[in-house]
N, C-alpha and C. Protein backbone atom coordinates (compact mmCIF):
# COMPACT_ATOMS: atom_id res chain seq x y z
N MET A 1 -2.96 7.31 17.22
CA MET A 1 -2.39 8.52 15.77
C MET A 1 -2.26 7.40 14.86
N THR A 2 -2.57 8.13 13.59
CA THR A 2 -2.41 7.18 12.37
C THR A 2 -1.46 8.32 11.24
N THR A 3 -0.68 7.45 10.60
CA THR A 3 -0.20 8.24 9.40
C THR A 3 -0.65 8.18 7.83
N LYS A 4 -0.67 8.62 6.95
CA LYS A 4 -1.48 8.65 6.00
C LYS A 4 -0.44 8.71 5.06
N THR A 5 0.08 7.95 3.82
CA THR A 5 0.83 7.80 2.83
C THR A 5 0.43 7.73 1.52
N LYS A 6 0.96 8.14 0.27
CA LYS A 6 0.59 7.51 -0.81
C LYS A 6 2.16 7.16 -1.54
N LEU A 7 1.28 5.80 -2.40
CA LEU A 7 2.70 5.12 -3.18
C LEU A 7 2.47 5.03 -4.21
N LYS A 8 3.26 5.42 -5.14
CA LYS A 8 3.16 5.32 -6.60
C LYS A 8 3.41 3.57 -6.90
N ILE A 9 2.60 2.73 -7.35
CA ILE A 9 2.54 1.38 -7.77
C ILE A 9 2.81 0.91 -9.34
N SER A 10 3.83 0.13 -9.23
CA SER A 10 4.18 -0.59 -10.28
C SER A 10 4.07 -2.02 -10.53
N GLY A 11 3.62 -2.53 -11.57
CA GLY A 11 3.43 -3.73 -11.85
C GLY A 11 1.76 -4.53 -12.21
N MET A 12 1.11 -3.22 -11.75
CA MET A 12 -0.24 -3.80 -11.73
C MET A 12 -1.32 -3.95 -12.96
N HIS A 13 -1.52 -5.05 -13.38
CA HIS A 13 -2.28 -5.24 -14.86
C HIS A 13 -3.65 -5.56 -14.81
N CYS A 14 -4.50 -4.96 -13.60
CA CYS A 14 -5.99 -5.03 -13.61
C CYS A 14 -6.18 -4.56 -12.52
N THR A 15 -7.65 -4.59 -12.10
CA THR A 15 -8.58 -4.11 -10.81
C THR A 15 -8.38 -5.22 -9.85
N SER A 16 -7.92 -6.25 -9.89
CA SER A 16 -7.56 -7.72 -9.46
C SER A 16 -6.40 -7.10 -8.65
N CYS A 17 -5.52 -6.74 -9.04
CA CYS A 17 -4.28 -6.61 -8.64
C CYS A 17 -4.19 -5.52 -7.82
N ALA A 18 -5.06 -4.18 -7.97
CA ALA A 18 -5.24 -3.40 -6.82
C ALA A 18 -5.98 -4.07 -5.59
N MET A 19 -6.94 -4.82 -5.80
CA MET A 19 -7.74 -5.59 -4.71
C MET A 19 -6.72 -6.37 -3.85
N ASN A 20 -5.66 -7.21 -4.75
CA ASN A 20 -5.08 -8.04 -4.24
C ASN A 20 -3.94 -7.15 -3.21
N ILE A 21 -3.14 -6.00 -3.30
CA ILE A 21 -2.49 -5.25 -2.86
C ILE A 21 -3.08 -4.73 -1.44
N ASP A 22 -4.40 -4.40 -1.56
CA ASP A 22 -5.51 -3.89 -0.45
C ASP A 22 -5.46 -4.64 0.40
N GLY A 23 -5.80 -6.26 0.04
CA GLY A 23 -5.84 -7.31 0.83
C GLY A 23 -4.85 -7.62 1.53
N GLU A 24 -3.75 -7.68 1.17
CA GLU A 24 -2.28 -8.11 1.80
C GLU A 24 -2.19 -7.24 2.58
N LEU A 25 -2.34 -5.57 2.41
CA LEU A 25 -2.18 -4.43 3.36
C LEU A 25 -3.06 -4.58 4.40
N GLU A 26 -4.23 -4.74 4.26
CA GLU A 26 -5.10 -4.98 5.15
C GLU A 26 -5.07 -5.83 6.13
N ASP A 27 -4.39 -6.97 5.72
CA ASP A 27 -3.98 -8.11 6.77
C ASP A 27 -2.73 -8.05 7.61
N THR A 28 -2.15 -6.98 7.06
CA THR A 28 -0.73 -6.56 8.20
C THR A 28 -0.88 -5.51 9.52
N ASP A 29 -0.67 -6.34 10.26
CA ASP A 29 -0.81 -5.70 11.76
C ASP A 29 -0.42 -4.37 11.77
N GLY A 30 -1.14 -3.21 11.80
CA GLY A 30 -1.03 -1.79 12.06
C GLY A 30 -1.71 -0.97 10.91
N VAL A 31 -2.07 -1.76 9.89
CA VAL A 31 -2.80 -1.00 9.22
C VAL A 31 -3.96 -0.54 8.99
N LYS A 32 -4.42 0.60 9.18
CA LYS A 32 -5.89 0.56 9.18
C LYS A 32 -6.96 0.87 8.27
N GLN A 33 -6.30 1.07 6.97
CA GLN A 33 -6.87 1.14 5.92
C GLN A 33 -6.23 1.21 4.58
N ALA A 34 -6.60 0.74 3.28
CA ALA A 34 -5.91 0.74 2.51
C ALA A 34 -6.60 0.76 1.12
N ASN A 35 -6.39 1.78 0.27
CA ASN A 35 -6.92 2.01 -1.26
C ASN A 35 -6.18 2.42 -2.32
N THR A 36 -6.34 1.15 -3.09
CA THR A 36 -5.35 1.09 -4.36
C THR A 36 -6.06 1.61 -5.54
N SER A 37 -5.53 2.06 -6.51
CA SER A 37 -6.36 2.74 -7.69
C SER A 37 -5.43 2.29 -9.22
N TYR A 38 -5.97 1.18 -9.54
CA TYR A 38 -5.72 0.68 -10.63
C TYR A 38 -5.67 1.76 -11.58
N ALA A 39 -6.25 2.39 -11.95
CA ALA A 39 -6.49 3.61 -13.33
C ALA A 39 -5.12 4.53 -12.72
N LYS A 40 -5.02 5.03 -11.56
CA LYS A 40 -3.87 5.79 -11.18
C LYS A 40 -2.62 5.47 -10.64
N SER A 41 -2.70 3.91 -10.85
CA SER A 41 -1.51 3.50 -10.05
C SER A 41 -0.95 3.74 -8.64
N VAL A 42 -1.74 4.12 -8.06
CA VAL A 42 -1.51 4.76 -6.49
C VAL A 42 -2.23 3.91 -5.32
N THR A 43 -1.38 3.95 -4.73
CA THR A 43 -2.31 3.12 -3.20
C THR A 43 -2.24 4.60 -2.03
N GLU A 44 -3.34 4.50 -1.37
CA GLU A 44 -3.27 5.21 -0.30
C GLU A 44 -3.22 4.51 1.01
N VAL A 45 -2.59 4.62 1.90
CA VAL A 45 -2.23 3.56 3.12
C VAL A 45 -2.48 4.62 4.65
N GLU A 46 -3.13 4.38 5.52
CA GLU A 46 -3.41 4.91 6.59
C GLU A 46 -2.88 3.72 7.84
N PHE A 47 -1.84 4.11 8.50
CA PHE A 47 -1.42 3.31 9.55
C PHE A 47 -0.75 3.50 10.77
N ASP A 48 -0.67 2.71 11.58
CA ASP A 48 -0.37 2.93 12.92
C ASP A 48 1.63 3.31 12.93
N PRO A 49 1.88 4.03 13.08
CA PRO A 49 3.46 4.36 13.00
C PRO A 49 4.25 3.80 14.30
N ASP A 50 3.36 3.51 15.16
CA ASP A 50 3.95 2.60 16.45
C ASP A 50 3.86 1.08 16.46
N LYS A 51 2.98 0.54 15.33
CA LYS A 51 3.34 -0.64 15.05
C LYS A 51 3.96 -0.87 13.84
N LEU A 52 4.24 0.14 12.91
CA LEU A 52 4.45 -0.27 11.55
C LEU A 52 5.06 0.79 10.77
N THR A 53 6.38 0.35 9.99
CA THR A 53 7.16 1.14 9.56
C THR A 53 6.58 1.80 8.04
N LEU A 54 6.95 2.84 7.04
CA LEU A 54 6.65 3.01 5.77
C LEU A 54 7.50 1.73 4.98
N GLU A 55 8.46 1.37 5.89
CA GLU A 55 9.42 0.15 4.74
C GLU A 55 8.69 -0.98 4.61
N LYS A 56 8.12 -1.35 5.78
CA LYS A 56 7.57 -2.24 6.06
C LYS A 56 6.14 -2.26 5.14
N VAL A 57 5.81 -1.17 5.19
CA VAL A 57 4.26 -1.16 4.26
C VAL A 57 4.98 -1.61 2.70
N VAL A 58 6.16 -1.09 2.32
CA VAL A 58 6.53 -0.81 0.94
C VAL A 58 6.98 -2.66 0.86
N SER A 59 7.61 -2.99 1.96
CA SER A 59 8.15 -4.50 1.71
C SER A 59 7.03 -5.39 1.64
N THR A 60 5.73 -4.99 2.23
CA THR A 60 4.49 -6.02 2.03
C THR A 60 3.90 -6.23 0.71
N ILE A 61 4.11 -4.66 0.33
CA ILE A 61 3.60 -4.39 -1.19
C ILE A 61 4.53 -5.50 -2.15
N LYS A 62 5.63 -5.42 -2.14
CA LYS A 62 6.74 -6.05 -2.58
C LYS A 62 6.60 -7.60 -2.71
N THR A 63 6.22 -7.96 -1.45
CA THR A 63 6.05 -9.15 -1.03
C THR A 63 4.86 -10.12 -2.22
N ALA A 64 3.81 -9.18 -2.10
CA ALA A 64 2.96 -9.23 -3.08
C ALA A 64 2.87 -9.03 -4.88
N GLY A 65 4.12 -8.84 -5.16
CA GLY A 65 4.85 -8.95 -6.35
C GLY A 65 4.43 -7.31 -7.00
N TYR A 66 4.48 -6.23 -6.24
CA TYR A 66 4.61 -5.07 -7.08
C TYR A 66 5.70 -4.28 -6.41
N THR A 67 5.80 -3.41 -7.18
CA THR A 67 6.83 -2.23 -6.55
C THR A 67 6.07 -0.70 -6.34
N ALA A 68 6.47 -0.54 -5.10
CA ALA A 68 6.01 0.80 -4.16
C ALA A 68 7.28 1.77 -4.10
N LEU A 69 7.24 3.19 -4.46
CA LEU A 69 7.71 4.39 -4.04
C LEU A 69 6.66 4.98 -3.70
N PRO A 70 7.46 6.11 -2.58
CA PRO A 70 6.62 7.35 -2.09
C PRO A 70 6.18 8.38 -3.30
N LEU A 71 5.18 8.67 -3.06
CA LEU A 71 4.70 9.57 -4.10
C LEU A 71 4.74 11.17 -3.83
N ASP A 72 5.37 11.89 -4.33
CA ASP A 72 5.63 13.53 -3.78
C ASP A 72 4.36 13.93 -4.39
N GLU A 73 4.13 14.71 -2.98
CA GLU A 73 2.44 15.42 -3.24
C GLU A 73 2.83 16.74 -3.74
């Protein structure tokens, strides 16, 4: 079972930033898929909640140099 969430991203300057976020997330144990949109400043993350918390996902993005906040849908 996986959890999907959308996060608002701050600090991106180009599409390479979005690719950097995706790479960092996909290298994190428990992340199944990450899709970041520079144009929308949003990342969609699918992860295994038994291996990873939302806080760890946000922390991974912060470590990469960006800010992430849960997006109200």
